[in-house]
Amino acid sequence: MNGRQRVFDTLQGKPAGAATVFATEFWALNRRGYSIKDFLENPKKLAPLVIEEALGIDSDIFFLLAGLTGVPVMELGGQMRFPERGAPFMEKPLIENEMDLQKLDIATVKSGDKVRSLQQVAGFINKCVKEKQVLAVNCRAPFTQAAQMVGPDRFMRLLYRDEVFVREVMEFSTRLFIEYVTLFIEEGIEMIYISDPSASGDLISRKHFEKYVFPYLNDVNDYIKGRGVKTLLHICGDTTDRLDLIRKIGPDIMSVDHKVDLTLARKLLGDDVCLAGNVDPSSVMEYGDPGDVTRAATECIKAAGAGKFILMPGCEISGNTPMKNIKEFLRVGHRHCMSESEAGGK
């Protein structure tokens, strides 16, 4: 059974299971000495390298464009800085006031050279890995994308001060998300990885999540699933106090950070949402040894209990994560998958 089959069987409730190391193109490029900026400037040239790295591990899902979620905002005129180390970020806010918001034209994103190039490369990579893995393209959720456009600190303050403006930005960001994600759906991508780090319980309250995140996240999740594409939602940090709301949104997969208790997460998400997580990507995956990985992965499997579950790190792995740890992680996960499958067949 290949990784793609394991993922889709798991989502159907079959005892096949799945495991993935949350590897991204960022991870693949770092391993070969390239930057995410190199990939943005010449994605066609570096796509074979990303494919080779993706197929070099037995991960059931490979994540693409995790380091380039700001591209739609760049096409609107946003200026992104690419540091030598770490993820790129917006140098200054794109939206200072309502007048700035009104000037933005979503149509420019669809026709932008960077977006079109990434769309084509995603389609090409998907065709190359599809027989073995599910390719999940990362699109920044409306709330985090809105914070990116306004400036994260200022946007968080506006949640308390200007509900009307925040909702206007959120509505625009939602339309932008749908315009962008549609390009990848039309390219045949089978899973969209919706990342929403700014919606973390470490950053905003449950009240603000329910007010400013829930309705828009619900809309985009419904849109994607309505197009026949699977959704994987990941929110960094502690999301325990909002997992019941995420259950109502109903992503196909909810990936939780290592801060979240998997047993409680299972209870709060119920049986319909596939739980994914949540080995520490830093202390265990990057800085631990295979023995640490075995113990942590096994504990996660036990904590998740029965039901739909994908073994994953709690967030994306770094390019410095030892290959021996990656292989051990997947070995433990797939061994569990096989035992589950055998038990289901008896």
C-alpha atoms as a PDB file:
ATOM      1  CA  MET A   1       0.000   0.000   0.000  1.00  0.00           C
ATOM      2  CA  ASN A   2       1.412   3.411  -0.923  1.00  0.00           C
ATOM      3  CA  GLY A   3       1.112   6.623   1.022  1.00  0.00           C
ATOM      4  CA  ARG A   4      -1.713   8.044  -1.028  1.00  0.00           C
ATOM      5  CA  GLN A   5      -3.811   4.940  -0.423  1.00  0.00           C
ATOM      6  CA  ARG A   6      -3.070   5.040   3.290  1.00  0.00           C
ATOM      7  CA  VAL A   7      -4.282   8.637   3.544  1.00  0.00           C
ATOM      8  CA  PHE A   8      -7.526   8.153   1.644  1.00  0.00           C
ATOM      9  CA  ASP A   9      -8.267   4.843   3.371  1.00  0.00           C
ATOM     10  CA  THR A  10      -7.755   6.530   6.736  1.00  0.00           C
ATOM     11  CA  LEU A  11     -10.138   9.342   5.806  1.00  0.00           C
ATOM     12  CA  GLN A  12     -12.746   6.725   4.900  1.00  0.00           C
ATOM     13  CA  GLY A  13     -12.430   5.207   8.349  1.00  0.00           C
ATOM     14  CA  LYS A  14     -10.560   2.100   7.256  1.00  0.00           C
ATOM     15  CA  PRO A  15      -7.865   0.715   9.592  1.00  0.00           C
ATOM     16  CA  ALA A  16      -5.057   1.529   7.156  1.00  0.00           C
ATOM     17  CA  GLY A  17      -3.726   4.583   8.947  1.00  0.00           C
ATOM     18  CA  ALA A  18      -1.128   6.996   7.623  1.00  0.00           C
ATOM     19  CA  ALA A  19       2.036   8.799   8.702  1.00  0.00           C
ATOM     20  CA  THR A  20       3.779  11.897   7.419  1.00  0.00           C
ATOM     21  CA  VAL A  21       6.725  13.957   8.624  1.00  0.00           C
ATOM     22  CA  PHE A  22       5.332  17.384   7.634  1.00  0.00           C
ATOM     23  CA  ALA A  23       8.084  17.823   5.043  1.00  0.00           C
ATOM     24  CA  THR A  24       7.787  20.894   2.798  1.00  0.00           C
ATOM     25  CA  GLU A  25       9.589  22.389  -0.171  1.00  0.00           C
ATOM     26  CA  PHE A  26      11.322  24.599   2.406  1.00  0.00           C
ATOM     27  CA  TRP A  27      12.764  21.432   3.960  1.00  0.00           C
ATOM     28  CA  ALA A  28      13.729  19.992   0.570  1.00  0.00           C
ATOM     29  CA  LEU A  29      15.454  23.171  -0.595  1.00  0.00           C
ATOM     30  CA  ASN A  30      17.405  23.614   2.637  1.00  0.00           C
ATOM     31  CA  ARG A  31      18.744  20.083   2.322  1.00  0.00           C
ATOM     32  CA  ARG A  32      20.195  20.963  -1.090  1.00  0.00           C
ATOM     33  CA  GLY A  33      21.539  24.378  -0.173  1.00  0.00           C
ATOM     34  CA  TYR A  34      18.823  26.447  -1.868  1.00  0.00           C
ATOM     35  CA  SER A  35      16.540  29.086  -0.391  1.00  0.00           C
ATOM     36  CA  ILE A  36      12.836  29.629  -0.731  1.00  0.00           C
ATOM     37  CA  LYS A  37      13.649  32.798  -2.676  1.00  0.00           C
ATOM     38  CA  ASP A  38      15.583  30.696  -5.202  1.00  0.00           C
ATOM     39  CA  PHE A  39      12.489  28.559  -5.668  1.00  0.00           C
ATOM     40  CA  LEU A  40      10.207  31.575  -6.136  1.00  0.00           C
ATOM     41  CA  GLU A  41      12.542  33.036  -8.759  1.00  0.00           C
ATOM     42  CA  ASN A  42      12.930  29.792 -10.698  1.00  0.00           C
ATOM     43  CA  PRO A  43      10.417  27.150  -9.578  1.00  0.00           C
ATOM     44  CA  LYS A  44      10.614  25.124 -12.793  1.00  0.00           C
ATOM     45  CA  LYS A  45      14.362  24.668 -12.431  1.00  0.00           C
ATOM     46  CA  LEU A  46      14.151  23.543  -8.798  1.00  0.00           C
ATOM     47  CA  ALA A  47      10.964  21.464  -9.080  1.00  0.00           C
ATOM     48  CA  PRO A  48      12.892  18.246  -9.958  1.00  0.00           C
ATOM     49  CA  LEU A  49      14.981  18.694  -6.815  1.00  0.00           C
ATOM     50  CA  VAL A  50      11.836  19.049  -4.675  1.00  0.00           C
ATOM     51  CA  ILE A  51      10.330  15.966  -6.327  1.00  0.00           C
ATOM     52  CA  GLU A  52      13.467  13.933  -5.702  1.00  0.00           C
ATOM     53  CA  GLU A  53      13.508  14.862  -2.022  1.00  0.00           C
ATOM     54  CA  ALA A  54       9.776  14.235  -1.651  1.00  0.00           C
ATOM     55  CA  LEU A  55       9.993  10.774  -3.189  1.00  0.00           C
ATOM     56  CA  GLY A  56      13.129   9.984  -1.209  1.00  0.00           C
ATOM     57  CA  ILE A  57      11.093   9.524   1.975  1.00  0.00           C
ATOM     58  CA  ASP A  58       8.049   7.329   2.607  1.00  0.00           C
ATOM     59  CA  SER A  59       5.912  10.217   3.850  1.00  0.00           C
ATOM     60  CA  ASP A  60       2.257   9.821   2.910  1.00  0.00           C
ATOM     61  CA  ILE A  61       1.707  13.561   2.424  1.00  0.00           C
ATOM     62  CA  PHE A  62       4.147  16.128   1.058  1.00  0.00           C
ATOM     63  CA  PHE A  63       3.445  19.804   1.690  1.00  0.00           C
ATOM     64  CA  LEU A  64       4.092  22.413  -0.992  1.00  0.00           C
ATOM     65  CA  LEU A  65       4.360  26.244  -0.874  1.00  0.00           C
ATOM     66  CA  ALA A  66       4.525  26.351   2.926  1.00  0.00           C
ATOM     67  CA  GLY A  67       7.300  28.924   2.630  1.00  0.00           C
ATOM     68  CA  LEU A  68       5.519  31.007   0.004  1.00  0.00           C
ATOM     69  CA  THR A  69       2.112  31.713   1.505  1.00  0.00           C
ATOM     70  CA  GLY A  70       2.723  35.438   1.088  1.00  0.00           C
ATOM     71  CA  VAL A  71       2.812  35.300  -2.719  1.00  0.00           C
ATOM     72  CA  PRO A  72      -0.844  36.397  -3.212  1.00  0.00           C
ATOM     73  CA  VAL A  73      -0.120  39.467  -1.076  1.00  0.00           C
ATOM     74  CA  MET A  74       3.070  40.090  -3.069  1.00  0.00           C
ATOM     75  CA  GLU A  75       1.026  40.106  -6.276  1.00  0.00           C
ATOM     76  CA  LEU A  76      -1.152  42.809  -4.734  1.00  0.00           C
ATOM     77  CA  GLY A  77       1.923  44.956  -4.112  1.00  0.00           C
ATOM     78  CA  GLY A  78       3.157  43.663  -0.776  1.00  0.00           C
ATOM     79  CA  GLN A  79       6.924  43.706  -0.229  1.00  0.00           C
ATOM     80  CA  MET A  80       8.348  40.497   1.170  1.00  0.00           C
ATOM     81  CA  ARG A  81      11.745  40.090   2.801  1.00  0.00           C
ATOM     82  CA  PHE A  82      13.623  36.815   2.456  1.00  0.00           C
ATOM     83  CA  PRO A  83      16.073  36.409   5.366  1.00  0.00           C
ATOM     84  CA  GLU A  84      19.045  34.069   5.059  1.00  0.00           C
ATOM     85  CA  ARG A  85      17.499  31.894   7.733  1.00  0.00           C
ATOM     86  CA  GLY A  86      13.859  31.473   8.635  1.00  0.00           C
ATOM     87  CA  ALA A  87      10.602  32.106   6.830  1.00  0.00           C
ATOM     88  CA  PRO A  88       9.984  35.158   4.622  1.00  0.00           C
ATOM     89  CA  PHE A  89       7.838  37.980   5.995  1.00  0.00           C
ATOM     90  CA  MET A  90       6.170  41.180   4.815  1.00  0.00           C
ATOM     91  CA  GLU A  91       8.433  44.217   5.233  1.00  0.00           C
ATOM     92  CA  LYS A  92       5.598  46.660   5.766  1.00  0.00           C
ATOM     93  CA  PRO A  93       1.779  46.571   5.865  1.00  0.00           C
ATOM     94  CA  LEU A  94      -0.059  46.520   2.569  1.00  0.00           C
ATOM     95  CA  ILE A  95      -3.231  47.959   4.130  1.00  0.00           C
ATOM     96  CA  GLU A  96      -3.019  51.001   6.397  1.00  0.00           C
ATOM     97  CA  ASN A  97      -6.620  52.177   6.046  1.00  0.00           C
ATOM     98  CA  GLU A  98      -9.885  51.593   4.217  1.00  0.00           C
ATOM     99  CA  MET A  99      -8.691  53.581   1.197  1.00  0.00           C
ATOM    100  CA  ASP A 100      -5.761  51.194   0.759  1.00  0.00           C
ATOM    101  CA  LEU A 101      -8.168  48.267   0.944  1.00  0.00           C
ATOM    102  CA  GLN A 102     -10.445  49.716  -1.720  1.00  0.00           C
ATOM    103  CA  LYS A 103      -7.541  50.124  -4.145  1.00  0.00           C
ATOM    104  CA  LEU A 104      -6.665  46.431  -4.145  1.00  0.00           C
ATOM    105  CA  ASP A 105      -7.786  44.349  -7.112  1.00  0.00           C
ATOM    106  CA  ILE A 106      -8.009  40.597  -6.538  1.00  0.00           C
ATOM    107  CA  ALA A 107      -7.965  39.985 -10.294  1.00  0.00           C
ATOM    108  CA  THR A 108      -4.293  40.965 -10.380  1.00  0.00           C
ATOM    109  CA  VAL A 109      -3.474  37.905  -8.288  1.00  0.00           C
ATOM    110  CA  LYS A 110      -4.982  35.456 -10.743  1.00  0.00           C
ATOM    111  CA  SER A 111      -2.998  36.948 -13.601  1.00  0.00           C
ATOM    112  CA  GLY A 112       0.237  37.457 -11.658  1.00  0.00           C
ATOM    113  CA  ASP A 113       3.392  35.834 -13.031  1.00  0.00           C
ATOM    114  CA  LYS A 114       4.507  34.448  -9.669  1.00  0.00           C
ATOM    115  CA  VAL A 115       1.142  32.859  -8.923  1.00  0.00           C
ATOM    116  CA  ARG A 116       0.798  31.390 -12.394  1.00  0.00           C
ATOM    117  CA  SER A 117       4.269  29.937 -12.232  1.00  0.00           C
ATOM    118  CA  LEU A 118       3.607  28.328  -8.842  1.00  0.00           C
ATOM    119  CA  GLN A 119       0.289  26.990 -10.085  1.00  0.00           C
ATOM    120  CA  GLN A 120       1.947  25.263 -13.022  1.00  0.00           C
ATOM    121  CA  VAL A 121       4.787  23.871 -10.934  1.00  0.00           C
ATOM    122  CA  ALA A 122       2.351  22.546  -8.318  1.00  0.00           C
ATOM    123  CA  GLY A 123       0.492  20.717 -11.056  1.00  0.00           C
ATOM    124  CA  PHE A 124       3.736  19.261 -12.399  1.00  0.00           C
ATOM    125  CA  ILE A 125       4.962  18.120  -8.974  1.00  0.00           C
ATOM    126  CA  ASN A 126       1.555  16.645  -8.194  1.00  0.00           C
ATOM    127  CA  LYS A 127       1.654  14.485 -11.318  1.00  0.00           C
ATOM    128  CA  CYS A 128       5.130  13.240 -10.426  1.00  0.00           C
ATOM    129  CA  VAL A 129       4.402  12.236  -6.804  1.00  0.00           C
ATOM    130  CA  LYS A 130       0.718  11.312  -7.083  1.00  0.00           C
ATOM    131  CA  GLU A 131       1.278   7.570  -7.414  1.00  0.00           C
ATOM    132  CA  LYS A 132       3.070   7.513  -4.066  1.00  0.00           C
ATOM    133  CA  GLN A 133       2.011  10.545  -2.028  1.00  0.00           C
ATOM    134  CA  VAL A 134      -0.732  13.094  -1.576  1.00  0.00           C
ATOM    135  CA  LEU A 135       0.465  16.594  -2.431  1.00  0.00           C
ATOM    136  CA  ALA A 136      -1.050  19.205  -0.106  1.00  0.00           C
ATOM    137  CA  VAL A 137      -0.682  22.801  -1.297  1.00  0.00           C
ATOM    138  CA  ASN A 138      -0.466  25.363   1.486  1.00  0.00           C
ATOM    139  CA  CYS A 139      -2.761  28.371   1.335  1.00  0.00           C
ATOM    140  CA  ARG A 140      -2.787  30.904   4.161  1.00  0.00           C
ATOM    141  CA  ALA A 141      -6.177  31.066   5.910  1.00  0.00           C
ATOM    142  CA  PRO A 142      -8.143  34.342   5.704  1.00  0.00           C
ATOM    143  CA  PHE A 143      -7.396  35.462   9.273  1.00  0.00           C
ATOM    144  CA  THR A 144      -3.625  34.989   9.117  1.00  0.00           C
ATOM    145  CA  GLN A 145      -3.522  36.429   5.600  1.00  0.00           C
ATOM    146  CA  ALA A 146      -5.445  39.486   6.821  1.00  0.00           C
ATOM    147  CA  ALA A 147      -2.953  39.935   9.658  1.00  0.00           C
ATOM    148  CA  GLN A 148      -0.155  39.649   7.102  1.00  0.00           C
ATOM    149  CA  MET A 149      -1.692  42.441   4.988  1.00  0.00           C
ATOM    150  CA  VAL A 150      -2.428  44.822   7.869  1.00  0.00           C
ATOM    151  CA  GLY A 151       0.575  43.958  10.026  1.00  0.00           C
ATOM    152  CA  PRO A 152       0.207  41.289  12.743  1.00  0.00           C
ATOM    153  CA  ASP A 153       0.556  43.518  15.820  1.00  0.00           C
ATOM    154  CA  ARG A 154      -1.736  46.242  14.511  1.00  0.00           C
ATOM    155  CA  PHE A 155      -4.305  43.712  13.319  1.00  0.00           C
ATOM    156  CA  MET A 156      -4.476  42.139  16.769  1.00  0.00           C
ATOM    157  CA  ARG A 157      -5.106  45.561  18.315  1.00  0.00           C
ATOM    158  CA  LEU A 158      -7.830  46.278  15.776  1.00  0.00           C
ATOM    159  CA  LEU A 159      -9.754  43.217  16.957  1.00  0.00           C
ATOM    160  CA  TYR A 160     -10.586  45.282  20.043  1.00  0.00           C
ATOM    161  CA  ARG A 161     -10.924  48.695  18.407  1.00  0.00           C
ATOM    162  CA  ASP A 162     -12.494  48.506  14.958  1.00  0.00           C
ATOM    163  CA  GLU A 163     -14.776  45.551  14.258  1.00  0.00           C
ATOM    164  CA  VAL A 164     -16.128  47.092  11.039  1.00  0.00           C
ATOM    165  CA  PHE A 165     -12.697  47.510   9.452  1.00  0.00           C
ATOM    166  CA  VAL A 166     -11.539  44.077  10.610  1.00  0.00           C
ATOM    167  CA  ARG A 167     -14.582  42.462   9.000  1.00  0.00           C
ATOM    168  CA  GLU A 168     -13.995  44.372   5.761  1.00  0.00           C
ATOM    169  CA  VAL A 169     -10.418  43.106   5.639  1.00  0.00           C
ATOM    170  CA  MET A 170     -11.573  39.592   6.503  1.00  0.00           C
ATOM    171  CA  GLU A 171     -14.129  39.581   3.693  1.00  0.00           C
ATOM    172  CA  PHE A 172     -11.485  40.741   1.230  1.00  0.00           C
ATOM    173  CA  SER A 173      -8.995  38.181   2.509  1.00  0.00           C
ATOM    174  CA  THR A 174     -11.569  35.414   2.137  1.00  0.00           C
ATOM    175  CA  ARG A 175     -12.254  36.361  -1.478  1.00  0.00           C
ATOM    176  CA  LEU A 176      -8.505  36.491  -2.103  1.00  0.00           C
ATOM    177  CA  PHE A 177      -8.066  33.044  -0.563  1.00  0.00           C
ATOM    178  CA  ILE A 178     -10.803  31.535  -2.736  1.00  0.00           C
ATOM    179  CA  GLU A 179      -9.410  33.140  -5.900  1.00  0.00           C
ATOM    180  CA  TYR A 180      -5.950  31.790  -5.117  1.00  0.00           C
ATOM    181  CA  VAL A 181      -6.919  28.302  -3.973  1.00  0.00           C
ATOM    182  CA  THR A 182      -9.143  27.792  -7.018  1.00  0.00           C
ATOM    183  CA  LEU A 183      -6.080  27.924  -9.271  1.00  0.00           C
ATOM    184  CA  PHE A 184      -4.606  24.880  -7.542  1.00  0.00           C
ATOM    185  CA  ILE A 185      -7.896  23.014  -7.453  1.00  0.00           C
ATOM    186  CA  GLU A 186      -8.162  23.520 -11.213  1.00  0.00           C
ATOM    187  CA  GLU A 187      -4.632  22.111 -11.504  1.00  0.00           C
ATOM    188  CA  GLY A 188      -5.782  18.809  -9.997  1.00  0.00           C
ATOM    189  CA  ILE A 189      -4.452  19.223  -6.447  1.00  0.00           C
ATOM    190  CA  GLU A 190      -6.244  16.755  -4.169  1.00  0.00           C
ATOM    191  CA  MET A 191      -5.592  18.361  -0.773  1.00  0.00           C
ATOM    192  CA  ILE A 192      -5.320  21.930   0.462  1.00  0.00           C
ATOM    193  CA  TYR A 193      -3.285  22.591   3.591  1.00  0.00           C
ATOM    194  CA  ILE A 194      -4.946  25.564   5.295  1.00  0.00           C
ATOM    195  CA  SER A 195      -2.504  27.142   7.738  1.00  0.00           C
ATOM    196  CA  ASP A 196      -3.768  29.679  10.265  1.00  0.00           C
ATOM    197  CA  PRO A 197      -1.015  30.366  12.826  1.00  0.00           C
ATOM    198  CA  SER A 198      -2.433  33.737  13.858  1.00  0.00           C
ATOM    199  CA  ALA A 199      -5.631  31.980  15.018  1.00  0.00           C
ATOM    200  CA  SER A 200      -3.695  30.148  17.737  1.00  0.00           C
ATOM    201  CA  GLY A 201      -4.876  30.126  21.319  1.00  0.00           C
ATOM    202  CA  ASP A 202      -1.441  31.522  22.103  1.00  0.00           C
ATOM    203  CA  LEU A 203      -2.371  34.708  20.232  1.00  0.00           C
ATOM    204  CA  ILE A 204      -6.131  35.287  20.283  1.00  0.00           C
ATOM    205  CA  SER A 205      -8.960  34.393  22.629  1.00  0.00           C
ATOM    206  CA  ARG A 206     -11.672  31.858  21.931  1.00  0.00           C
ATOM    207  CA  LYS A 207     -14.109  34.790  21.754  1.00  0.00           C
ATOM    208  CA  HIS A 208     -12.127  36.430  18.953  1.00  0.00           C
ATOM    209  CA  PHE A 209     -11.679  33.083  17.217  1.00  0.00           C
ATOM    210  CA  GLU A 210     -15.416  32.548  17.206  1.00  0.00           C
ATOM    211  CA  LYS A 211     -16.066  36.096  16.016  1.00  0.00           C
ATOM    212  CA  TYR A 212     -13.333  36.743  13.448  1.00  0.00           C
ATOM    213  CA  VAL A 213     -11.972  33.345  12.415  1.00  0.00           C
ATOM    214  CA  PHE A 214     -14.757  30.786  12.558  1.00  0.00           C
ATOM    215  CA  PRO A 215     -17.190  32.158   9.932  1.00  0.00           C
ATOM    216  CA  TYR A 216     -14.530  32.799   7.287  1.00  0.00           C
ATOM    217  CA  LEU A 217     -12.612  29.583   7.921  1.00  0.00           C
ATOM    218  CA  ASN A 218     -15.897  27.735   7.709  1.00  0.00           C
ATOM    219  CA  ASP A 219     -16.658  29.359   4.348  1.00  0.00           C
ATOM    220  CA  VAL A 220     -13.326  28.472   2.737  1.00  0.00           C
ATOM    221  CA  ASN A 221     -13.382  24.918   4.108  1.00  0.00           C
ATOM    222  CA  ASP A 222     -16.880  24.425   2.690  1.00  0.00           C
ATOM    223  CA  TYR A 223     -15.782  25.859  -0.649  1.00  0.00           C
ATOM    224  CA  ILE A 224     -12.790  23.549  -0.985  1.00  0.00           C
ATOM    225  CA  LYS A 225     -14.682  20.441   0.072  1.00  0.00           C
ATOM    226  CA  GLY A 226     -17.504  21.443  -2.241  1.00  0.00           C
ATOM    227  CA  ARG A 227     -15.009  21.202  -5.095  1.00  0.00           C
ATOM    228  CA  GLY A 228     -14.226  17.612  -4.114  1.00  0.00           C
ATOM    229  CA  VAL A 229     -10.848  18.421  -2.557  1.00  0.00           C
ATOM    230  CA  LYS A 230      -9.695  17.348   0.915  1.00  0.00           C
ATOM    231  CA  THR A 231      -8.740  19.886   3.558  1.00  0.00           C
ATOM    232  CA  LEU A 232      -6.028  19.730   6.199  1.00  0.00           C
ATOM    233  CA  LEU A 233      -6.146  22.514   8.785  1.00  0.00           C
ATOM    234  CA  HIS A 234      -3.138  23.323  10.951  1.00  0.00           C
ATOM    235  CA  ILE A 235      -3.057  25.987  13.650  1.00  0.00           C
ATOM    236  CA  CYS A 236       0.109  26.400  15.681  1.00  0.00           C
ATOM    237  CA  GLY A 237       0.183  26.518  19.459  1.00  0.00           C
ATOM    238  CA  ASP A 238      -2.529  25.487  21.897  1.00  0.00           C
ATOM    239  CA  THR A 239      -5.892  25.115  20.145  1.00  0.00           C
ATOM    240  CA  THR A 240      -7.609  23.053  22.838  1.00  0.00           C
ATOM    241  CA  ASP A 241     -10.233  25.662  23.740  1.00  0.00           C
ATOM    242  CA  ARG A 242     -11.416  25.944  20.108  1.00  0.00           C
ATOM    243  CA  LEU A 243     -11.351  22.356  18.903  1.00  0.00           C
ATOM    244  CA  ASP A 244     -15.107  22.078  19.394  1.00  0.00           C
ATOM    245  CA  LEU A 245     -15.542  25.009  16.996  1.00  0.00           C
ATOM    246  CA  ILE A 246     -13.114  23.412  14.532  1.00  0.00           C
ATOM    247  CA  ARG A 247     -15.230  20.261  14.722  1.00  0.00           C
ATOM    248  CA  LYS A 248     -18.176  22.357  13.500  1.00  0.00           C
ATOM    249  CA  ILE A 249     -16.056  23.684  10.619  1.00  0.00           C
ATOM    250  CA  GLY A 250     -15.283  20.077   9.710  1.00  0.00           C
ATOM    251  CA  PRO A 251     -11.898  19.938   7.980  1.00  0.00           C
ATOM    252  CA  ASP A 252     -11.051  16.456   6.748  1.00  0.00           C
ATOM    253  CA  ILE A 253      -7.884  16.536   8.871  1.00  0.00           C
ATOM    254  CA  MET A 254      -7.050  18.664  11.906  1.00  0.00           C
ATOM    255  CA  SER A 255      -3.310  18.824  12.624  1.00  0.00           C
ATOM    256  CA  VAL A 256      -2.536  19.885  16.197  1.00  0.00           C
ATOM    257  CA  ASP A 257       0.653  21.276  17.706  1.00  0.00           C
ATOM    258  CA  HIS A 258       2.667  19.339  20.293  1.00  0.00           C
ATOM    259  CA  LYS A 259       1.152  21.587  22.987  1.00  0.00           C
ATOM    260  CA  VAL A 260      -2.230  19.880  22.552  1.00  0.00           C
ATOM    261  CA  ASP A 261      -3.193  16.724  24.453  1.00  0.00           C
ATOM    262  CA  LEU A 262      -4.143  14.160  21.799  1.00  0.00           C
ATOM    263  CA  THR A 263      -6.545  12.233  24.014  1.00  0.00           C
ATOM    264  CA  LEU A 264      -8.509  15.389  24.746  1.00  0.00           C
ATOM    265  CA  ALA A 265      -8.279  16.480  21.110  1.00  0.00           C
ATOM    266  CA  ARG A 266      -9.797  13.183  20.020  1.00  0.00           C
ATOM    267  CA  LYS A 267     -12.697  13.703  22.398  1.00  0.00           C
ATOM    268  CA  LEU A 268     -13.313  17.288  21.297  1.00  0.00           C
ATOM    269  CA  LEU A 269     -13.031  16.630  17.542  1.00  0.00           C
ATOM    270  CA  GLY A 270     -15.186  13.512  17.534  1.00  0.00           C
ATOM    271  CA  ASP A 271     -15.102  10.761  14.952  1.00  0.00           C
ATOM    272  CA  ASP A 272     -15.739  12.713  11.748  1.00  0.00           C
ATOM    273  CA  VAL A 273     -12.566  14.821  11.748  1.00  0.00           C
ATOM    274  CA  CYS A 274      -9.296  12.928  11.282  1.00  0.00           C
ATOM    275  CA  LEU A 275      -6.872  13.869  14.054  1.00  0.00           C
ATOM    276  CA  ALA A 276      -3.209  14.414  13.119  1.00  0.00           C
ATOM    277  CA  GLY A 277      -0.203  15.027  15.325  1.00  0.00           C
ATOM    278  CA  ASN A 278       1.816  15.705  17.282  1.00  0.00           C
ATOM    279  CA  VAL A 279       5.451  14.823  17.993  1.00  0.00           C
ATOM    280  CA  ASP A 280       7.562  17.870  18.891  1.00  0.00           C
ATOM    281  CA  PRO A 281       9.299  18.916  15.623  1.00  0.00           C
ATOM    282  CA  SER A 282      12.181  20.575  17.462  1.00  0.00           C
ATOM    283  CA  SER A 283      13.198  18.800  20.667  1.00  0.00           C
ATOM    284  CA  VAL A 284      12.350  15.335  19.324  1.00  0.00           C
ATOM    285  CA  MET A 285      12.524  15.365  15.521  1.00  0.00           C
ATOM    286  CA  GLU A 286      15.443  17.773  15.057  1.00  0.00           C
ATOM    287  CA  TYR A 287      17.469  17.459  18.249  1.00  0.00           C
ATOM    288  CA  GLY A 288      16.475  14.014  19.511  1.00  0.00           C
ATOM    289  CA  ASP A 289      17.759  10.617  18.449  1.00  0.00           C
ATOM    290  CA  PRO A 290      15.846   7.682  16.885  1.00  0.00           C
ATOM    291  CA  GLY A 291      15.097   6.314  20.349  1.00  0.00           C
ATOM    292  CA  ASP A 292      13.445   9.607  21.326  1.00  0.00           C
ATOM    293  CA  VAL A 293      11.471   9.549  18.096  1.00  0.00           C
ATOM    294  CA  THR A 294      10.269   5.990  18.722  1.00  0.00           C
ATOM    295  CA  ARG A 295       9.085   6.809  22.239  1.00  0.00           C
ATOM    296  CA  ALA A 296       7.359  10.052  21.287  1.00  0.00           C
ATOM    297  CA  ALA A 297       5.652   8.613  18.205  1.00  0.00           C
ATOM    298  CA  THR A 298       4.444   5.560  20.112  1.00  0.00           C
ATOM    299  CA  GLU A 299       3.053   7.769  22.872  1.00  0.00           C
ATOM    300  CA  CYS A 300       1.148   9.828  20.301  1.00  0.00           C
ATOM    301  CA  ILE A 301      -0.365   6.729  18.732  1.00  0.00           C
ATOM    302  CA  LYS A 302      -1.529   5.485  22.138  1.00  0.00           C
ATOM    303  CA  ALA A 303      -2.862   8.892  23.175  1.00  0.00           C
ATOM    304  CA  ALA A 304      -4.872   9.289  19.961  1.00  0.00           C
ATOM    305  CA  GLY A 305      -6.654   6.002  20.611  1.00  0.00           C
ATOM    306  CA  ALA A 306      -9.059   4.428  18.158  1.00  0.00           C
ATOM    307  CA  GLY A 307     -10.426   6.353  15.199  1.00  0.00           C
ATOM    308  CA  LYS A 308      -9.096   8.308  12.262  1.00  0.00           C
ATOM    309  CA  PHE A 309      -5.519   9.305  12.981  1.00  0.00           C
ATOM    310  CA  ILE A 310      -2.425  10.377  11.036  1.00  0.00           C
ATOM    311  CA  LEU A 311       0.882  10.359  12.881  1.00  0.00           C
ATOM    312  CA  MET A 312       2.637  13.697  12.269  1.00  0.00           C
ATOM    313  CA  PRO A 313       5.009  16.106  13.963  1.00  0.00           C
ATOM    314  CA  GLY A 314       3.238  18.997  15.649  1.00  0.00           C
ATOM    315  CA  CYS A 315       4.429  21.399  12.939  1.00  0.00           C
ATOM    316  CA  GLU A 316       6.741  21.581   9.934  1.00  0.00           C
ATOM    317  CA  ILE A 317      10.166  19.999  10.285  1.00  0.00           C
ATOM    318  CA  SER A 318      13.360  21.951   9.646  1.00  0.00           C
ATOM    319  CA  GLY A 319      15.911  21.247   6.959  1.00  0.00           C
ATOM    320  CA  ASN A 320      18.310  20.173   9.713  1.00  0.00           C
ATOM    321  CA  THR A 321      16.122  17.286  10.867  1.00  0.00           C
ATOM    322  CA  PRO A 322      18.278  14.127  10.670  1.00  0.00           C
ATOM    323  CA  MET A 323      17.182  11.663   8.016  1.00  0.00           C
ATOM    324  CA  LYS A 324      17.565   8.810  10.509  1.00  0.00           C
ATOM    325  CA  ASN A 325      14.909  10.469  12.688  1.00  0.00           C
ATOM    326  CA  ILE A 326      12.596  10.955   9.731  1.00  0.00           C
ATOM    327  CA  LYS A 327      12.917   7.313   8.702  1.00  0.00           C
ATOM    328  CA  GLU A 328      12.368   6.081  12.252  1.00  0.00           C
ATOM    329  CA  PHE A 329       9.291   8.263  12.639  1.00  0.00           C
ATOM    330  CA  LEU A 330       7.757   6.861   9.472  1.00  0.00           C
ATOM    331  CA  ARG A 331       8.780   3.313  10.377  1.00  0.00           C
ATOM    332  CA  VAL A 332       6.930   3.555  13.691  1.00  0.00           C
ATOM    333  CA  GLY A 333       3.870   5.085  12.057  1.00  0.00           C
ATOM    334  CA  HIS A 334       3.641   2.602   9.227  1.00  0.00           C
ATOM    335  CA  ARG A 335       4.303  -0.345  11.525  1.00  0.00           C
ATOM    336  CA  HIS A 336       1.319   0.815  13.546  1.00  0.00           C
ATOM    337  CA  CYS A 337      -0.678   1.178  10.343  1.00  0.00           C
ATOM    338  CA  MET A 338       0.117  -2.396   9.360  1.00  0.00           C
ATOM    339  CA  SER A 339      -0.839  -3.786  12.762  1.00  0.00           C
ATOM    340  CA  GLU A 340      -4.086  -1.867  12.669  1.00  0.00           C
ATOM    341  CA  SER A 341      -4.837  -3.140   9.181  1.00  0.00           C
ATOM    342  CA  GLU A 342      -4.101  -6.733  10.194  1.00  0.00           C
ATOM    343  CA  ALA A 343      -6.319  -6.405  13.239  1.00  0.00           C
ATOM    344  CA  GLY A 344      -9.136  -5.043  11.088  1.00  0.00           C
ATOM    345  CA  GLY A 345      -8.867  -8.021   8.740  1.00  0.00           C
ATOM    346  CA  LYS A 346      -9.270 -10.642  11.462  1.00  0.00           C
END
